[in-house]
Amino acid sequence: MDDFEKEQREILRLGDKIRHDRSINKWEKHSRYIDLVKKFLERYVSSNFQLAEYSHVEGFPEKKFHLIMVKKNAKPKTCEKKLCYGLESVAAVIEIRGSSLVSYKGKFEEDIKTKQILNKKVAGRHRSIKWLYLTFREREKTRSTFASNYVQLCRKYLGQDFFYLRESTTKKIIPGEWERFVKALLDP
């Protein structure tokens, strides 16, 4: 078992602990998922960058991103009365869920639209901002003909920017997914 595989299993183990902790509400659980991902990612992020939680990006004052990777020397500025990072400082935006990106009413569609707008804002510049989605669990297969295959839906709209660590119905760990996510974040 390689280090990435061990980390993926540990992230899932700790994520399950958070998930089954009845003493915390769903918003606190979500915050802990983000903290957990940040903790494991920090060992890979180069000294030229830093990870910022719940941050705004210039041009999107209404949107608070779960985790963004910005240049180490980047300082937030004020954008429409909120602290935000300039587009030139942002290398990546990471949206994180404990389970299912799709099941939040309207959230998936809103995020797809925001991703498209962000891509347009940086189009024509010398670099682009990576937009990555990571979920701890996502549903691939269903027993019901009425339920959606969320993995298929996410892949359709997000392509290679979508990552899930475990299939939620069968509990099958997706081999190499954490490594694929880290490499997608860090590769130029």
Foldseek 3Di string as FASTA:
>chain_A
DDPLVVLLVVLLVVLVVLVPPPVDDPVVSFLVNLVSVQVVLVVPDDPQKHKDAQAAEPPCVVDGAGIWIFGNPWDFDADPNGTHTYPVGTAETEHEEQEDPPPPVPRNVVVLVVVVVQQVVCPPPPHHHYYAYEYAEYAQDDPDPPDDRRVVVCCVRPNLRYAYQAYPPVRHGDPPRSVSNSCVSPPD
